Amino acid sequence: QIDGNVLEMDARSQSGTSVRNRLTISNVLTAGTWHHVFVSWDGSDGNGWQLYVDGVKHTWTVNNNTFAANSNMLTDEPFTIGGRSTSTSSYNGMFGKIDDFRSYARVLTAAEVSHLSQYRGVTGKPPTQSQVIYEALTYVPMQEQGTTFYCQKTNIAGTLTDTNSTGRHVAGPTEFLSNAVKFDASRQRRIAFARVPS
């Protein structure tokens, strides 16, 4: 759930910060409404990024398209949710809420993404919690009330950088577990993991 209507993602290649894609899209998210957002990359160049909102495929505006085929993601920064790990600018953070974060070890099909947006799992109506954990490479349900959040698959911990708890823990969408985290880019609020929790 975002506080505006622009979704932006910045991906960087392992070969350097100048090799990157900045992907933006406007007016597909309604402020104050929960949406299921799914992003994938097929390993090709910068045009290999796919975006789905609520199970429906949309087209990004691709800027700085300097990715080469089979590029590796930049890994010299911690893995973060809600904002870039080294930035002190609110421009690089999110204003909004995140719940039930996952990553997968393969590109999901359009049918799988549609099912995931409706039923919380790639298969099953609805899937069991253990099935959700099994399917995902990374699963962070965002249920904790403090500053430490865990990947349910590997128990790797991430730390919320902003220790000011004002408005931090909020209700999630009714079809998921009860809690979510509100990110405030002006506080550089983000969850940082020492490595990708896979």
Protein backbone atom coordinates (compact mmCIF):
# COMPACT_ATOMS: atom_id res chain seq x y z
CA GLN A 1 0.00 0.00 0.00
CA ILE A 2 1.54 3.33 -1.02
CA ASP A 3 0.80 6.93 -0.11
CA GLY A 4 1.04 8.11 -3.74
CA ASN A 5 0.51 6.64 -7.20
CA VAL A 6 4.06 6.19 -8.54
CA LEU A 7 5.92 2.89 -8.19
CA GLU A 8 9.66 2.95 -8.82
CA MET A 9 12.33 0.26 -8.67
CA ASP A 10 16.06 0.76 -9.12
CA ALA A 11 18.09 -2.35 -9.99
CA ARG A 12 21.87 -2.33 -10.30
CA SER A 13 24.22 -4.77 -11.97
CA GLN A 14 27.13 -6.35 -10.11
CA SER A 15 29.50 -4.76 -12.61
CA GLY A 16 28.94 -1.27 -11.22
CA THR A 17 26.45 1.35 -10.10
CA SER A 18 26.39 2.92 -13.57
CA VAL A 19 24.94 -0.29 -15.01
CA ARG A 20 21.35 -0.16 -13.90
CA ASN A 21 17.67 0.12 -14.68
CA ARG A 22 15.31 2.63 -13.13
CA LEU A 23 11.78 1.43 -13.69
CA THR A 24 8.76 3.63 -13.05
CA ILE A 25 5.02 3.37 -13.53
CA SER A 26 2.23 5.75 -12.57
CA ASN A 27 -1.48 5.47 -11.89
CA VAL A 28 -1.74 1.69 -11.45
CA LEU A 29 -1.80 1.86 -7.64
CA THR A 30 -4.55 3.56 -5.68
CA ALA A 31 -3.24 5.41 -2.62
CA GLY A 32 -4.58 3.98 0.63
CA THR A 33 -5.59 0.66 -0.98
CA TRP A 34 -3.76 -2.66 -0.59
CA HIS A 35 -2.34 -4.09 -3.83
CA HIS A 36 -0.44 -7.25 -4.69
CA VAL A 37 2.72 -6.18 -6.58
CA PHE A 38 4.94 -8.75 -8.29
CA VAL A 39 8.19 -7.95 -10.15
CA SER A 40 10.34 -10.44 -12.06
CA TRP A 41 13.45 -10.39 -14.25
CA ASP A 42 14.15 -13.08 -16.82
CA GLY A 43 17.94 -12.63 -16.87
CA SER A 44 18.02 -10.85 -20.22
CA ASP A 45 18.70 -7.13 -20.69
CA GLY A 46 16.84 -4.27 -19.05
CA ASN A 47 13.68 -5.05 -21.00
CA GLY A 48 13.36 -8.38 -19.20
CA TRP A 49 11.63 -6.85 -16.18
CA GLN A 50 7.96 -7.72 -15.75
CA LEU A 51 5.44 -6.00 -13.46
CA TYR A 52 2.11 -7.36 -12.26
CA VAL A 53 -0.34 -5.44 -10.06
CA ASP A 54 -3.17 -7.50 -8.56
CA GLY A 55 -2.32 -10.29 -10.99
CA VAL A 56 -2.51 -8.10 -14.12
CA LYS A 57 0.59 -7.43 -16.23
CA HIS A 58 1.58 -3.78 -16.76
CA THR A 59 4.31 -2.02 -18.73
CA TRP A 60 7.13 -0.14 -17.01
CA THR A 61 8.86 2.98 -18.24
CA VAL A 62 12.48 1.78 -18.43
CA ASN A 63 15.19 4.38 -17.86
CA ASN A 64 18.99 3.95 -17.73
CA ASN A 65 18.65 0.71 -19.67
CA THR A 66 22.28 -0.42 -19.46
CA PHE A 67 21.73 -3.97 -18.18
CA ALA A 68 23.36 -6.67 -20.29
CA ALA A 69 22.04 -10.19 -20.68
CA ASN A 70 22.90 -12.49 -17.76
CA SER A 71 24.00 -9.60 -15.54
CA ASN A 72 24.32 -10.34 -11.83
CA MET A 73 22.63 -8.10 -9.29
CA LEU A 74 24.84 -5.77 -7.27
CA THR A 75 25.48 -7.48 -3.94
CA ASP A 76 27.90 -5.20 -2.07
CA GLU A 77 25.03 -3.54 -0.17
CA PRO A 78 22.80 -5.26 2.39
CA PHE A 79 19.50 -6.64 1.17
CA THR A 80 16.81 -4.16 2.21
CA ILE A 81 13.04 -3.83 2.17
CA GLY A 82 11.46 -0.37 2.00
CA GLY A 83 14.46 1.70 0.92
CA ARG A 84 17.99 1.67 -0.42
CA SER A 85 20.50 0.65 2.23
CA THR A 86 23.09 3.40 1.72
CA SER A 87 20.81 6.33 0.94
CA THR A 88 20.02 9.16 3.34
CA SER A 89 17.57 10.73 0.90
CA SER A 90 13.81 10.28 1.18
CA TYR A 91 13.80 10.03 -2.63
CA ASN A 92 15.22 6.50 -2.34
CA GLY A 93 12.68 5.24 0.18
CA MET A 94 9.05 4.22 0.30
CA PHE A 95 6.10 6.07 1.72
CA GLY A 96 3.56 3.35 2.36
CA LYS A 97 3.03 -0.11 3.87
CA ILE A 98 4.44 -3.53 3.08
CA ASP A 99 3.16 -6.91 4.19
CA ASP A 100 4.08 -10.50 3.34
CA PHE A 101 7.30 -9.96 1.34
CA ARG A 102 8.57 -12.87 -0.77
CA SER A 103 11.10 -13.68 -3.45
CA TYR A 104 11.30 -16.75 -5.68
CA ALA A 105 14.18 -18.64 -7.26
CA ARG A 106 12.59 -18.68 -10.71
CA VAL A 107 10.40 -16.53 -12.94
CA LEU A 108 6.76 -17.34 -12.22
CA THR A 109 4.29 -17.75 -15.07
CA ALA A 110 1.48 -15.23 -15.56
CA ALA A 111 -1.01 -17.86 -14.33
CA GLU A 112 1.04 -18.45 -11.17
CA VAL A 113 1.27 -14.72 -10.47
CA SER A 114 -2.49 -14.36 -10.91
CA HIS A 115 -3.10 -17.25 -8.53
CA LEU A 116 -0.59 -15.83 -6.04
CA SER A 117 -2.36 -12.46 -6.04
CA GLN A 118 -5.65 -14.13 -5.10
CA TYR A 119 -4.72 -17.01 -2.84
CA ARG A 120 -1.33 -16.15 -1.25
CA GLY A 121 0.37 -19.16 -2.84
CA VAL A 122 1.57 -20.28 -6.26
CA THR A 123 -0.78 -23.27 -5.88
CA GLY A 124 -3.57 -24.23 -3.49
CA LYS A 125 -6.81 -22.42 -2.53
CA PRO A 126 -5.70 -21.31 0.00
CA PRO A 127 -2.27 -22.85 0.58
CA THR A 128 -1.03 -23.85 4.01
CA GLN A 129 1.54 -21.66 5.75
CA SER A 130 4.17 -24.40 5.34
CA GLN A 131 3.43 -24.51 1.60
CA VAL A 132 3.93 -20.75 1.29
CA ILE A 133 7.29 -21.04 3.05
CA TYR A 134 8.29 -24.01 0.86
CA GLU A 135 7.42 -22.25 -2.42
CA ALA A 136 9.30 -19.02 -1.71
CA LEU A 137 13.05 -18.47 -1.66
CA THR A 138 12.53 -15.66 0.86
CA TYR A 139 9.44 -15.13 3.02
CA VAL A 140 9.24 -12.22 5.46
CA PRO A 141 5.63 -11.97 6.75
CA MET A 142 6.30 -8.66 8.60
CA GLN A 143 4.50 -9.76 11.75
CA GLU A 144 7.03 -8.76 14.41
CA GLN A 145 6.30 -5.80 16.68
CA GLY A 146 9.87 -4.73 17.45
CA THR A 147 12.84 -3.84 15.24
CA THR A 148 13.90 -7.39 14.28
CA PHE A 149 12.20 -9.23 11.43
CA TYR A 150 12.83 -12.82 10.39
CA CYS A 151 12.83 -14.76 7.14
CA GLN A 152 10.53 -17.68 7.90
CA LYS A 153 12.47 -20.02 5.63
CA THR A 154 15.97 -19.58 7.06
CA ASN A 155 15.42 -17.59 10.27
CA ILE A 156 17.88 -14.93 9.05
CA ALA A 157 17.17 -11.67 10.87
CA GLY A 158 16.76 -8.19 9.44
CA THR A 159 16.85 -4.97 11.47
CA LEU A 160 14.50 -2.01 11.12
CA THR A 161 16.77 1.02 10.92
CA ASP A 162 14.33 3.59 12.31
CA THR A 163 13.92 2.98 16.05
CA ASN A 164 11.10 5.53 16.34
CA SER A 165 8.06 3.28 16.60
CA THR A 166 5.49 6.02 15.92
CA GLY A 167 3.02 4.61 13.39
CA ARG A 168 5.43 1.83 12.47
CA HIS A 169 3.24 -1.24 13.06
CA VAL A 170 -0.12 -1.18 11.31
CA ALA A 171 -2.87 -3.56 10.30
CA GLY A 172 -2.29 -5.56 7.15
CA PRO A 173 -4.83 -6.61 4.53
CA THR A 174 -7.52 -8.88 5.92
CA GLU A 175 -6.63 -11.86 3.73
CA PHE A 176 -3.09 -12.01 5.14
CA LEU A 177 -1.75 -12.28 8.66
CA SER A 178 -2.65 -9.42 10.97
CA ASN A 179 0.32 -7.02 10.87
CA ALA A 180 2.20 -4.91 8.35
CA VAL A 181 4.97 -2.28 8.49
CA LYS A 182 4.52 1.37 7.51
CA PHE A 183 7.63 2.74 5.82
CA ASP A 184 8.47 6.43 6.11
CA ALA A 185 11.22 7.46 3.71
CA SER A 186 11.78 10.75 5.53
CA ARG A 187 13.08 8.67 8.47
CA GLN A 188 15.04 6.36 6.11
CA ARG A 189 12.94 3.56 7.57
CA ARG A 190 13.90 0.22 6.05
CA ILE A 191 14.56 -3.37 7.05
CA ALA A 192 18.17 -4.36 6.35
CA PHE A 193 19.49 -7.92 6.18
CA ALA A 194 23.21 -8.69 6.28
CA ARG A 195 22.68 -10.91 3.23
CA VAL A 196 19.81 -12.06 1.06
CA PRO A 197 17.73 -14.23 3.42
CA SER A 198 17.49 -17.24 1.11
